C-alpha cells in the first residue's frame, strides 16, 4: 500500500524535495547517503589543518536499518576500523552458528542457501567501507565467507570480489542518474577524450 501511495505522491512533491533527500527516492538509499557524507568529509579533510565531526539526527526513522557502526551519535572518519570489523566478524560468526545448527538437522542444501545470511551480515554497505580494510581484517572476513560456503555447499565470492562488483555497480548507478547528489562529482572525473573515469590526484 505504501509503495502505491508513494508512486502517486512522488511526482507531485518532487519539485519541492531537498536535493539531498535519499529516502523514498528511486535508485537512492542508505549507501548513497553514506557515500555522499564520506565524500564531503574526505574532501574537507584534504584541506590542511582541518577536522570533521559529524552528528546524525534521524527524526523520521528513515535510517533505522543502517549498520550501527556507521551511523550513530558521532562518526570519526579517520579512526581505526578494527572495532567495526570486530563487530561485523562477531555478527557473521553468530549467523554462521545458526546456519550450522540448521545443517545439523539435515536440512537440504537448497533450504540452507535460502537461509544463508552470513554474507548479508558482513557485506552490508561494503561499497562504503570496504576500501578502508587492512589486509588482516579482509582475511578474517574472507575466512568467515569461506566457512559459510562450506556449510551451504557453494563457493562464495571473496570480500574483494564483492567489493569490486558492488562499487562498480554503485558507480554505474550514480552515472546513470543525473539527479544523484554525487553525479556532478563523478562526472568531473570523466575524461573528455575517452569518457573513462580518471582517478583523483
N, C-alpha and C. Protein backbone atom coordinates (compact mmCIF):
# COMPACT_ATOMS: atom_id res chain seq x y z
N UNK A 1 0.82 -1.20 0.00
CA UNK A 1 0.00 0.00 0.00
C UNK A 1 0.86 1.26 0.00
N UNK A 2 1.91 1.24 0.86
CA UNK A 2 2.79 2.40 0.94
C UNK A 2 3.44 2.70 -0.41
N UNK A 3 3.87 1.64 -1.12
CA UNK A 3 4.51 1.83 -2.42
C UNK A 3 3.54 2.43 -3.44
N UNK A 4 2.29 2.00 -3.41
CA UNK A 4 1.29 2.56 -4.33
C UNK A 4 1.07 4.05 -4.07
N UNK A 5 0.94 4.39 -2.80
CA UNK A 5 0.75 5.80 -2.45
C UNK A 5 1.99 6.60 -2.82
N UNK A 6 3.17 6.04 -2.56
CA UNK A 6 4.41 6.73 -2.89
C UNK A 6 4.51 7.00 -4.39
N UNK A 7 4.15 6.03 -5.21
CA UNK A 7 4.21 6.22 -6.66
C UNK A 7 3.28 7.33 -7.12
N UNK A 8 2.17 7.52 -6.42
CA UNK A 8 1.22 8.58 -6.78
C UNK A 8 1.70 9.96 -6.28
N UNK A 9 2.29 9.97 -5.09
CA UNK A 9 2.69 11.24 -4.48
C UNK A 9 4.02 11.78 -4.99
N UNK A 10 4.93 10.89 -5.36
CA UNK A 10 6.28 11.32 -5.72
C UNK A 10 6.29 12.38 -6.82
N UNK A 11 5.56 12.20 -7.93
CA UNK A 11 5.61 13.24 -8.98
C UNK A 11 5.07 14.59 -8.51
N UNK A 12 4.16 14.58 -7.56
CA UNK A 12 3.57 15.82 -7.07
C UNK A 12 4.55 16.59 -6.19
N UNK A 13 5.27 15.86 -5.31
CA UNK A 13 6.16 16.53 -4.36
C UNK A 13 7.59 16.66 -4.85
N UNK A 14 7.93 16.02 -5.95
CA UNK A 14 9.32 16.00 -6.45
C UNK A 14 9.93 17.40 -6.57
N UNK A 15 9.21 18.41 -7.11
CA UNK A 15 9.84 19.73 -7.24
C UNK A 15 10.17 20.39 -5.90
N UNK A 16 9.57 19.92 -4.82
CA UNK A 16 9.76 20.55 -3.51
C UNK A 16 10.75 19.80 -2.62
N UNK A 17 11.28 18.67 -3.10
CA UNK A 17 12.18 17.87 -2.28
C UNK A 17 13.58 18.47 -2.23
N UNK A 18 14.21 18.27 -1.11
CA UNK A 18 15.60 18.67 -0.95
C UNK A 18 16.46 17.82 -1.90
N UNK A 19 17.45 18.42 -2.57
CA UNK A 19 18.29 17.63 -3.47
C UNK A 19 19.07 16.53 -2.75
N UNK A 20 19.19 16.64 -1.44
CA UNK A 20 19.89 15.61 -0.67
C UNK A 20 18.91 14.66 0.02
N UNK A 21 17.72 14.56 -0.51
CA UNK A 21 16.73 13.61 0.01
C UNK A 21 17.07 12.22 -0.54
N UNK A 22 17.50 11.33 0.34
CA UNK A 22 17.89 9.99 -0.10
C UNK A 22 16.77 8.97 0.11
N UNK A 23 15.94 9.20 1.09
CA UNK A 23 14.87 8.25 1.37
C UNK A 23 13.73 8.42 0.37
N UNK A 24 13.10 7.30 0.05
CA UNK A 24 11.92 7.28 -0.82
C UNK A 24 12.19 7.85 -2.21
N UNK A 25 13.43 7.73 -2.65
CA UNK A 25 13.79 8.18 -3.99
C UNK A 25 14.19 6.96 -4.81
N UNK A 26 13.83 6.95 -6.09
CA UNK A 26 14.22 5.80 -6.91
C UNK A 26 15.74 5.72 -7.05
N UNK A 27 16.28 4.53 -6.88
CA UNK A 27 17.71 4.23 -7.04
C UNK A 27 18.60 5.00 -6.07
N UNK A 28 18.04 5.45 -4.96
CA UNK A 28 18.83 6.08 -3.90
C UNK A 28 18.54 5.37 -2.60
N UNK A 29 19.50 5.33 -1.71
CA UNK A 29 19.27 4.66 -0.45
C UNK A 29 20.32 5.02 0.58
N UNK A 30 20.41 4.19 1.60
CA UNK A 30 21.32 4.44 2.71
C UNK A 30 22.77 4.46 2.24
N UNK A 31 23.14 3.52 1.37
CA UNK A 31 24.52 3.50 0.87
C UNK A 31 24.86 4.82 0.19
N UNK A 32 23.94 5.36 -0.58
CA UNK A 32 24.18 6.64 -1.26
C UNK A 32 24.38 7.76 -0.26
N UNK A 33 23.59 7.77 0.80
CA UNK A 33 23.73 8.80 1.83
C UNK A 33 25.08 8.70 2.51
N UNK A 34 25.52 7.49 2.81
CA UNK A 34 26.81 7.30 3.47
C UNK A 34 27.95 7.70 2.54
N UNK A 35 27.87 7.28 1.28
CA UNK A 35 28.92 7.63 0.31
C UNK A 35 28.99 9.14 0.12
N UNK A 36 27.84 9.80 0.05
CA UNK A 36 27.82 11.27 -0.11
C UNK A 36 28.47 11.93 1.10
N UNK A 37 28.10 11.46 2.30
CA UNK A 37 28.68 12.03 3.52
C UNK A 37 30.19 11.83 3.54
N UNK A 38 30.64 10.61 3.26
CA UNK A 38 32.08 10.34 3.27
C UNK A 38 32.82 11.17 2.23
N UNK A 39 32.21 11.38 1.07
CA UNK A 39 32.83 12.21 0.04
C UNK A 39 33.01 13.64 0.55
N UNK A 40 31.99 14.18 1.19
CA UNK A 40 32.09 15.54 1.75
C UNK A 40 33.16 15.61 2.83
N UNK A 41 33.19 14.61 3.69
CA UNK A 41 34.16 14.59 4.78
C UNK A 41 35.58 14.50 4.24
N UNK A 42 35.81 13.57 3.31
CA UNK A 42 37.16 13.40 2.76
C UNK A 42 37.61 14.65 1.99
N UNK A 43 36.69 15.27 1.27
CA UNK A 43 37.03 16.49 0.53
C UNK A 43 37.46 17.59 1.51
N UNK A 44 36.76 17.68 2.64
CA UNK A 44 37.12 18.69 3.64
C UNK A 44 38.46 18.35 4.30
N UNK A 45 38.68 17.07 4.60
CA UNK A 45 39.91 16.67 5.27
C UNK A 45 41.14 16.80 4.38
N UNK A 46 40.94 16.94 3.07
CA UNK A 46 42.06 17.17 2.16
C UNK A 46 42.68 18.55 2.37
N UNK A 47 41.93 19.46 3.01
CA UNK A 47 42.44 20.81 3.28
C UNK A 47 43.35 20.75 4.50
N UNK A 48 44.43 21.54 4.50
CA UNK A 48 45.38 21.49 5.62
C UNK A 48 44.71 21.87 6.95
N UNK A 49 45.14 21.21 8.02
CA UNK A 49 44.72 21.50 9.39
C UNK A 49 43.21 21.50 9.58
N UNK A 50 42.53 20.57 8.91
CA UNK A 50 41.07 20.52 9.04
C UNK A 50 40.66 19.29 9.84
N UNK A 51 39.54 19.42 10.52
CA UNK A 51 38.96 18.31 11.26
C UNK A 51 37.47 18.25 10.95
N UNK A 52 36.88 17.11 11.24
CA UNK A 52 35.46 16.93 10.97
C UNK A 52 34.81 16.22 12.15
N UNK A 53 33.64 16.68 12.50
CA UNK A 53 32.82 15.98 13.48
C UNK A 53 31.41 15.93 12.89
N UNK A 54 30.83 14.75 12.89
CA UNK A 54 29.53 14.56 12.26
C UNK A 54 28.53 14.09 13.31
N UNK A 55 27.37 14.70 13.32
CA UNK A 55 26.30 14.30 14.24
C UNK A 55 25.09 13.94 13.39
N UNK A 56 24.45 12.82 13.69
CA UNK A 56 23.27 12.39 12.96
C UNK A 56 22.02 12.60 13.80
N UNK A 57 21.03 13.22 13.21
CA UNK A 57 19.72 13.33 13.82
C UNK A 57 18.73 12.71 12.85
N UNK A 58 18.08 11.67 13.26
CA UNK A 58 17.14 10.99 12.39
C UNK A 58 15.74 11.08 13.00
N UNK A 59 15.00 12.06 12.58
CA UNK A 59 13.68 12.30 13.16
C UNK A 59 12.61 11.40 12.58
N UNK A 60 12.88 10.83 11.42
CA UNK A 60 11.82 10.08 10.73
C UNK A 60 12.04 8.58 10.74
N UNK A 61 13.08 8.11 11.41
CA UNK A 61 13.44 6.68 11.44
C UNK A 61 13.76 6.15 10.05
N UNK A 62 14.13 7.02 9.13
CA UNK A 62 14.48 6.59 7.78
C UNK A 62 15.68 5.66 7.81
N UNK A 63 16.62 5.93 8.71
CA UNK A 63 17.85 5.15 8.75
C UNK A 63 17.83 4.09 9.83
N UNK A 64 16.65 3.60 10.22
CA UNK A 64 16.61 2.67 11.34
C UNK A 64 17.17 1.30 11.02
N UNK A 65 17.52 1.04 9.76
CA UNK A 65 18.11 -0.26 9.43
C UNK A 65 19.59 -0.13 9.06
N UNK A 66 20.17 1.04 9.27
CA UNK A 66 21.56 1.25 8.88
C UNK A 66 22.50 0.53 9.84
N UNK A 67 23.56 0.01 9.31
CA UNK A 67 24.59 -0.65 10.09
C UNK A 67 25.03 0.29 11.20
N UNK A 68 24.88 -0.14 12.45
CA UNK A 68 25.08 0.74 13.60
C UNK A 68 26.50 1.25 13.72
N UNK A 69 27.47 0.54 13.14
CA UNK A 69 28.85 1.03 13.23
C UNK A 69 29.06 2.27 12.38
N UNK A 70 28.22 2.50 11.38
CA UNK A 70 28.39 3.65 10.50
C UNK A 70 27.57 4.84 10.96
N UNK A 71 26.36 4.61 11.44
CA UNK A 71 25.53 5.72 11.87
C UNK A 71 25.41 5.67 13.38
N UNK A 72 25.60 6.78 14.00
CA UNK A 72 25.48 6.87 15.44
C UNK A 72 25.51 8.32 15.82
N UNK A 73 25.78 8.59 17.07
CA UNK A 73 25.84 9.98 17.51
C UNK A 73 26.99 10.71 16.88
N UNK A 74 28.08 10.01 16.68
CA UNK A 74 29.28 10.68 16.18
C UNK A 74 30.08 9.71 15.30
N UNK A 75 30.58 10.21 14.18
CA UNK A 75 31.41 9.39 13.31
C UNK A 75 32.75 10.09 13.17
N UNK A 76 33.80 9.43 13.63
CA UNK A 76 35.14 9.97 13.48
C UNK A 76 35.76 9.24 12.30
N UNK A 77 35.90 9.95 11.20
CA UNK A 77 36.25 9.31 9.95
C UNK A 77 37.66 8.73 9.95
N UNK A 78 38.60 9.37 10.57
CA UNK A 78 39.98 8.93 10.49
C UNK A 78 40.35 7.91 11.56
N UNK A 79 39.38 7.28 12.19
CA UNK A 79 39.69 6.32 13.24
C UNK A 79 39.99 4.95 12.65
N UNK A 80 40.51 4.08 13.49
CA UNK A 80 40.81 2.72 13.10
C UNK A 80 39.51 1.94 12.91
N UNK A 81 39.39 1.20 11.83
CA UNK A 81 38.16 0.46 11.53
C UNK A 81 38.12 -0.89 12.22
N UNK A 82 39.09 -1.18 13.07
CA UNK A 82 39.17 -2.50 13.70
C UNK A 82 37.91 -2.81 14.52
N UNK A 83 37.37 -1.82 15.22
CA UNK A 83 36.16 -2.06 16.02
C UNK A 83 34.99 -2.45 15.12
N UNK A 84 34.88 -1.78 13.99
CA UNK A 84 33.80 -2.11 13.06
C UNK A 84 33.96 -3.53 12.51
N UNK A 85 35.18 -3.89 12.18
CA UNK A 85 35.44 -5.22 11.64
C UNK A 85 35.16 -6.28 12.70
N UNK A 86 35.54 -6.00 13.95
CA UNK A 86 35.25 -6.94 15.03
C UNK A 86 33.75 -7.16 15.17
N UNK A 87 32.99 -6.07 15.10
CA UNK A 87 31.53 -6.18 15.22
C UNK A 87 30.95 -6.99 14.06
N UNK A 88 31.46 -6.74 12.85
CA UNK A 88 31.00 -7.49 11.68
C UNK A 88 31.35 -8.97 11.81
N UNK A 89 32.56 -9.24 12.27
CA UNK A 89 33.02 -10.62 12.40
C UNK A 89 32.17 -11.37 13.42
N UNK A 90 31.88 -10.74 14.54
CA UNK A 90 31.04 -11.38 15.56
C UNK A 90 29.63 -11.64 15.03
N UNK A 91 29.09 -10.67 14.31
CA UNK A 91 27.76 -10.86 13.73
C UNK A 91 27.77 -12.00 12.71
N UNK A 92 28.80 -12.04 11.88
CA UNK A 92 28.92 -13.12 10.91
C UNK A 92 29.07 -14.48 11.57
N UNK A 93 29.85 -14.53 12.66
CA UNK A 93 30.02 -15.79 13.38
C UNK A 93 28.71 -16.28 13.99
N UNK A 94 27.91 -15.37 14.54
CA UNK A 94 26.65 -15.79 15.14
C UNK A 94 25.69 -16.32 14.07
N UNK A 95 25.71 -15.70 12.90
CA UNK A 95 24.86 -16.19 11.82
C UNK A 95 25.38 -17.52 11.26
N UNK A 96 26.69 -17.67 11.24
CA UNK A 96 27.27 -18.93 10.80
C UNK A 96 26.89 -20.06 11.76
N UNK A 97 26.88 -19.77 13.05
CA UNK A 97 26.46 -20.76 14.04
C UNK A 97 25.01 -21.20 13.77
N UNK A 98 24.15 -20.24 13.50
CA UNK A 98 22.75 -20.54 13.20
C UNK A 98 22.66 -21.43 11.95
N UNK A 99 23.46 -21.11 10.95
CA UNK A 99 23.46 -21.89 9.70
C UNK A 99 23.93 -23.33 9.95
N UNK A 100 24.96 -23.48 10.79
CA UNK A 100 25.45 -24.83 11.12
C UNK A 100 24.39 -25.62 11.90
N UNK A 101 23.67 -24.94 12.77
CA UNK A 101 22.60 -25.61 13.51
C UNK A 101 21.53 -26.11 12.54
N UNK A 102 21.19 -25.31 11.57
CA UNK A 102 20.21 -25.74 10.57
C UNK A 102 20.71 -26.97 9.82
N UNK A 103 21.99 -26.95 9.45
CA UNK A 103 22.55 -28.08 8.72
C UNK A 103 22.55 -29.35 9.59
N UNK A 104 22.72 -29.18 10.90
CA UNK A 104 22.74 -30.36 11.79
C UNK A 104 21.39 -31.08 11.83
N UNK A 105 20.33 -30.39 11.39
CA UNK A 105 19.01 -31.02 11.32
C UNK A 105 18.76 -31.67 9.96
N UNK A 106 19.84 -31.82 9.18
CA UNK A 106 19.78 -32.44 7.85
C UNK A 106 18.84 -31.71 6.89
N UNK A 107 18.86 -30.40 6.96
CA UNK A 107 18.07 -29.60 6.02
C UNK A 107 18.76 -29.65 4.66
N UNK A 108 17.99 -29.73 3.61
CA UNK A 108 18.57 -29.86 2.26
C UNK A 108 19.38 -28.60 1.89
N UNK A 109 20.31 -28.78 0.94
CA UNK A 109 21.20 -27.69 0.53
C UNK A 109 20.42 -26.48 0.02
N UNK A 110 19.34 -26.75 -0.69
CA UNK A 110 18.55 -25.64 -1.25
C UNK A 110 18.00 -24.76 -0.14
N UNK A 111 17.47 -25.38 0.92
CA UNK A 111 16.94 -24.61 2.04
C UNK A 111 18.05 -23.87 2.78
N UNK A 112 19.21 -24.50 2.90
CA UNK A 112 20.34 -23.83 3.56
C UNK A 112 20.74 -22.57 2.80
N UNK A 113 20.73 -22.66 1.48
CA UNK A 113 21.08 -21.48 0.67
C UNK A 113 20.05 -20.38 0.84
N UNK A 114 18.79 -20.77 1.00
CA UNK A 114 17.75 -19.77 1.24
C UNK A 114 17.98 -19.07 2.57
N UNK A 115 18.41 -19.82 3.57
CA UNK A 115 18.64 -19.26 4.90
C UNK A 115 20.03 -18.63 5.04
N UNK A 116 20.82 -18.68 3.98
CA UNK A 116 22.18 -18.14 4.06
C UNK A 116 22.13 -16.64 4.35
N UNK A 117 22.60 -16.27 5.51
CA UNK A 117 22.50 -14.88 5.95
C UNK A 117 23.85 -14.30 6.37
N UNK A 118 24.91 -15.09 6.30
CA UNK A 118 26.20 -14.59 6.75
C UNK A 118 26.67 -13.43 5.88
N UNK A 119 26.57 -13.60 4.57
CA UNK A 119 27.05 -12.55 3.67
C UNK A 119 26.29 -11.25 3.85
N UNK A 120 24.99 -11.33 4.05
CA UNK A 120 24.22 -10.10 4.23
C UNK A 120 24.65 -9.37 5.49
N UNK A 121 25.09 -10.13 6.50
CA UNK A 121 25.53 -9.50 7.75
C UNK A 121 26.87 -8.80 7.58
N UNK A 122 27.82 -9.43 6.89
CA UNK A 122 29.15 -8.84 6.83
C UNK A 122 29.41 -8.01 5.58
N UNK A 123 28.53 -8.07 4.60
CA UNK A 123 28.75 -7.32 3.37
C UNK A 123 27.83 -6.12 3.22
N UNK A 124 27.06 -5.81 4.26
CA UNK A 124 26.14 -4.67 4.15
C UNK A 124 26.94 -3.38 3.95
N UNK A 125 26.59 -2.62 2.96
CA UNK A 125 27.22 -1.33 2.64
C UNK A 125 28.72 -1.45 2.42
N UNK A 126 29.16 -2.59 1.88
CA UNK A 126 30.59 -2.83 1.67
C UNK A 126 31.21 -1.79 0.74
N UNK A 127 30.43 -1.21 -0.15
CA UNK A 127 30.94 -0.18 -1.05
C UNK A 127 31.36 1.07 -0.28
N UNK A 128 30.83 1.24 0.92
CA UNK A 128 31.16 2.41 1.73
C UNK A 128 32.43 2.21 2.56
N UNK A 129 32.66 1.03 3.05
CA UNK A 129 33.75 0.82 3.99
C UNK A 129 34.82 -0.16 3.52
N UNK A 130 34.57 -0.91 2.48
CA UNK A 130 35.49 -1.97 2.08
C UNK A 130 36.88 -1.52 1.69
N UNK A 131 37.00 -0.34 1.11
CA UNK A 131 38.32 0.11 0.66
C UNK A 131 39.21 0.52 1.82
N UNK A 132 38.66 0.64 3.03
CA UNK A 132 39.44 1.05 4.20
C UNK A 132 39.96 -0.14 5.00
N UNK A 133 39.73 -1.33 4.49
CA UNK A 133 40.12 -2.54 5.22
C UNK A 133 41.63 -2.78 5.19
N UNK A 134 42.16 -3.25 6.30
CA UNK A 134 43.53 -3.75 6.32
C UNK A 134 43.51 -5.17 5.77
N UNK A 135 44.64 -5.64 5.30
CA UNK A 135 44.73 -6.97 4.72
C UNK A 135 44.33 -8.03 5.75
N UNK A 136 44.79 -7.88 6.99
CA UNK A 136 44.48 -8.86 8.03
C UNK A 136 42.98 -8.93 8.28
N UNK A 137 42.30 -7.78 8.28
CA UNK A 137 40.85 -7.76 8.50
C UNK A 137 40.11 -8.39 7.32
N UNK A 138 40.57 -8.09 6.11
CA UNK A 138 39.95 -8.70 4.93
C UNK A 138 40.11 -10.21 4.97
N UNK A 139 41.27 -10.68 5.41
CA UNK A 139 41.50 -12.13 5.50
C UNK A 139 40.57 -12.77 6.53
N UNK A 140 40.36 -12.12 7.66
CA UNK A 140 39.43 -12.65 8.67
C UNK A 140 38.04 -12.81 8.10
N UNK A 141 37.56 -11.77 7.42
CA UNK A 141 36.21 -11.84 6.86
C UNK A 141 36.13 -12.86 5.72
N UNK A 142 37.21 -12.97 4.94
CA UNK A 142 37.22 -13.97 3.86
C UNK A 142 37.16 -15.39 4.40
N UNK A 143 37.82 -15.64 5.53
CA UNK A 143 37.75 -16.97 6.15
C UNK A 143 36.32 -17.29 6.59
N UNK A 144 35.63 -16.28 7.10
CA UNK A 144 34.24 -16.46 7.52
C UNK A 144 33.36 -16.78 6.31
N UNK A 145 33.58 -16.07 5.20
CA UNK A 145 32.82 -16.32 3.98
C UNK A 145 33.12 -17.72 3.45
N UNK A 146 34.38 -18.13 3.52
CA UNK A 146 34.78 -19.47 3.07
C UNK A 146 34.08 -20.56 3.90
N UNK A 147 34.03 -20.36 5.22
CA UNK A 147 33.35 -21.32 6.10
C UNK A 147 31.86 -21.39 5.77
N UNK A 148 31.26 -20.23 5.52
CA UNK A 148 29.84 -20.21 5.17
C UNK A 148 29.60 -20.95 3.86
N UNK A 149 30.50 -20.78 2.91
CA UNK A 149 30.39 -21.50 1.65
C UNK A 149 30.44 -23.00 1.83
N UNK A 150 31.31 -23.45 2.75
CA UNK A 150 31.38 -24.89 3.05
C UNK A 150 30.07 -25.39 3.65
N UNK A 151 29.47 -24.58 4.52
CA UNK A 151 28.22 -25.01 5.17
C UNK A 151 27.08 -25.12 4.17
N UNK A 152 26.98 -24.15 3.26
CA UNK A 152 25.85 -24.17 2.31
C UNK A 152 26.18 -24.93 1.02
N UNK A 153 27.43 -25.38 0.89
CA UNK A 153 27.79 -26.19 -0.27
C UNK A 153 27.96 -25.42 -1.56
N UNK A 154 28.37 -24.16 -1.45
CA UNK A 154 28.57 -23.31 -2.63
C UNK A 154 29.85 -22.52 -2.46
N UNK A 155 30.61 -22.35 -3.53
CA UNK A 155 31.79 -21.49 -3.45
C UNK A 155 31.32 -20.05 -3.56
N UNK A 156 31.61 -19.26 -2.53
CA UNK A 156 31.15 -17.87 -2.48
C UNK A 156 32.27 -16.92 -2.90
N UNK A 157 31.89 -15.78 -3.44
CA UNK A 157 32.87 -14.77 -3.85
C UNK A 157 33.61 -14.23 -2.64
N UNK A 158 34.87 -13.88 -2.85
CA UNK A 158 35.66 -13.28 -1.78
C UNK A 158 35.15 -11.87 -1.50
N UNK A 159 35.58 -11.34 -0.36
CA UNK A 159 35.18 -9.99 0.03
C UNK A 159 35.58 -8.98 -1.02
N UNK A 160 36.81 -9.08 -1.54
CA UNK A 160 37.29 -8.11 -2.53
C UNK A 160 36.52 -8.21 -3.84
N UNK A 161 36.14 -9.43 -4.22
CA UNK A 161 35.34 -9.59 -5.44
C UNK A 161 33.98 -8.93 -5.29
N UNK A 162 33.37 -9.12 -4.12
CA UNK A 162 32.06 -8.49 -3.86
C UNK A 162 32.22 -6.97 -3.78
N UNK A 163 33.28 -6.52 -3.11
CA UNK A 163 33.53 -5.08 -3.00
C UNK A 163 33.67 -4.45 -4.38
N UNK A 164 34.46 -5.08 -5.24
CA UNK A 164 34.66 -4.52 -6.59
C UNK A 164 33.35 -4.50 -7.38
N UNK A 165 32.59 -5.58 -7.31
CA UNK A 165 31.33 -5.66 -8.05
C UNK A 165 30.32 -4.62 -7.55
N UNK A 166 30.20 -4.50 -6.22
CA UNK A 166 29.22 -3.56 -5.66
C UNK A 166 29.65 -2.11 -5.86
N UNK A 167 30.95 -1.85 -5.79
CA UNK A 167 31.43 -0.49 -6.01
C UNK A 167 31.19 -0.07 -7.46
N UNK A 168 31.51 -0.95 -8.40
CA UNK A 168 31.27 -0.63 -9.81
C UNK A 168 29.78 -0.46 -10.09
N UNK A 169 28.97 -1.30 -9.47
CA UNK A 169 27.52 -1.19 -9.65
C UNK A 169 27.01 0.14 -9.11
N UNK A 170 27.51 0.54 -7.93
CA UNK A 170 27.08 1.81 -7.34
C UNK A 170 27.55 2.98 -8.19
N UNK A 171 28.76 2.91 -8.70
CA UNK A 171 29.29 3.96 -9.56
C UNK A 171 28.47 4.08 -10.84
N UNK A 172 28.12 2.94 -11.43
CA UNK A 172 27.29 2.93 -12.64
C UNK A 172 25.92 3.55 -12.36
N UNK A 173 25.34 3.22 -11.21
CA UNK A 173 24.04 3.78 -10.84
C UNK A 173 24.12 5.29 -10.71
N UNK A 174 25.19 5.79 -10.09
CA UNK A 174 25.37 7.24 -9.94
C UNK A 174 25.49 7.90 -11.30
N UNK A 175 26.28 7.29 -12.20
CA UNK A 175 26.50 7.88 -13.52
C UNK A 175 25.26 7.86 -14.39
N UNK A 176 24.33 6.95 -14.13
CA UNK A 176 23.10 6.87 -14.92
C UNK A 176 21.97 7.72 -14.35
N UNK A 177 22.18 8.30 -13.18
CA UNK A 177 21.13 9.07 -12.52
C UNK A 177 21.57 10.52 -12.40
N UNK A 178 21.15 11.34 -13.34
CA UNK A 178 21.54 12.75 -13.36
C UNK A 178 21.12 13.54 -12.15
N UNK A 179 20.14 13.05 -11.40
CA UNK A 179 19.69 13.77 -10.19
C UNK A 179 20.38 13.27 -8.93
N UNK A 180 21.29 12.31 -9.06
CA UNK A 180 22.01 11.81 -7.89
C UNK A 180 22.91 12.93 -7.35
N UNK A 181 22.95 13.11 -6.02
CA UNK A 181 23.78 14.19 -5.45
C UNK A 181 25.26 14.09 -5.80
N UNK A 182 25.75 12.91 -6.15
CA UNK A 182 27.17 12.76 -6.50
C UNK A 182 27.41 12.70 -8.00
N UNK A 183 26.37 12.88 -8.79
CA UNK A 183 26.50 12.78 -10.25
C UNK A 183 27.55 13.77 -10.78
N UNK A 184 27.45 15.04 -10.40
CA UNK A 184 28.39 16.05 -10.90
C UNK A 184 29.82 15.77 -10.44
N UNK A 185 29.96 15.30 -9.20
CA UNK A 185 31.28 14.99 -8.66
C UNK A 185 31.94 13.88 -9.47
N UNK A 186 31.19 12.83 -9.77
CA UNK A 186 31.73 11.71 -10.54
C UNK A 186 32.04 12.15 -11.98
N UNK A 187 31.13 12.90 -12.57
CA UNK A 187 31.32 13.28 -13.97
C UNK A 187 32.50 14.24 -14.17
N UNK A 188 32.87 14.98 -13.13
CA UNK A 188 34.05 15.85 -13.23
C UNK A 188 35.33 15.04 -13.40
N UNK A 189 35.31 13.78 -13.02
CA UNK A 189 36.48 12.92 -13.13
C UNK A 189 36.46 12.09 -14.42
N UNK A 190 35.56 12.43 -15.31
CA UNK A 190 35.45 11.67 -16.56
C UNK A 190 36.31 12.31 -17.63
N UNK A 191 37.06 11.51 -18.33
CA UNK A 191 37.91 12.00 -19.39
C UNK A 191 37.05 12.50 -20.55
N UNK A 192 37.37 13.68 -21.06
CA UNK A 192 36.63 14.21 -22.21
C UNK A 192 37.01 13.47 -23.49
N UNK A 193 38.19 12.86 -23.49
CA UNK A 193 38.64 12.16 -24.68
C UNK A 193 38.06 10.75 -24.77
N UNK A 194 38.20 9.97 -23.69
CA UNK A 194 37.78 8.56 -23.75
C UNK A 194 36.51 8.28 -22.97
N UNK A 195 36.02 9.24 -22.18
CA UNK A 195 34.83 9.08 -21.33
C UNK A 195 35.08 8.13 -20.16
N UNK A 196 36.35 7.70 -19.98
CA UNK A 196 36.66 6.86 -18.82
C UNK A 196 36.84 7.74 -17.60
N UNK A 197 36.70 7.13 -16.41
CA UNK A 197 36.91 7.87 -15.18
C UNK A 197 38.40 7.94 -14.88
N UNK A 198 38.85 9.12 -14.45
CA UNK A 198 40.23 9.34 -14.09
C UNK A 198 40.29 9.43 -12.57
N UNK A 199 41.21 8.68 -11.97
CA UNK A 199 41.34 8.73 -10.52
C UNK A 199 41.77 10.11 -10.08
N UNK A 200 41.17 10.64 -8.98
CA UNK A 200 41.59 11.96 -8.49
C UNK A 200 43.03 11.91 -7.99
N UNK A 201 43.72 13.01 -8.12
CA UNK A 201 45.13 13.08 -7.70
C UNK A 201 45.20 13.40 -6.21
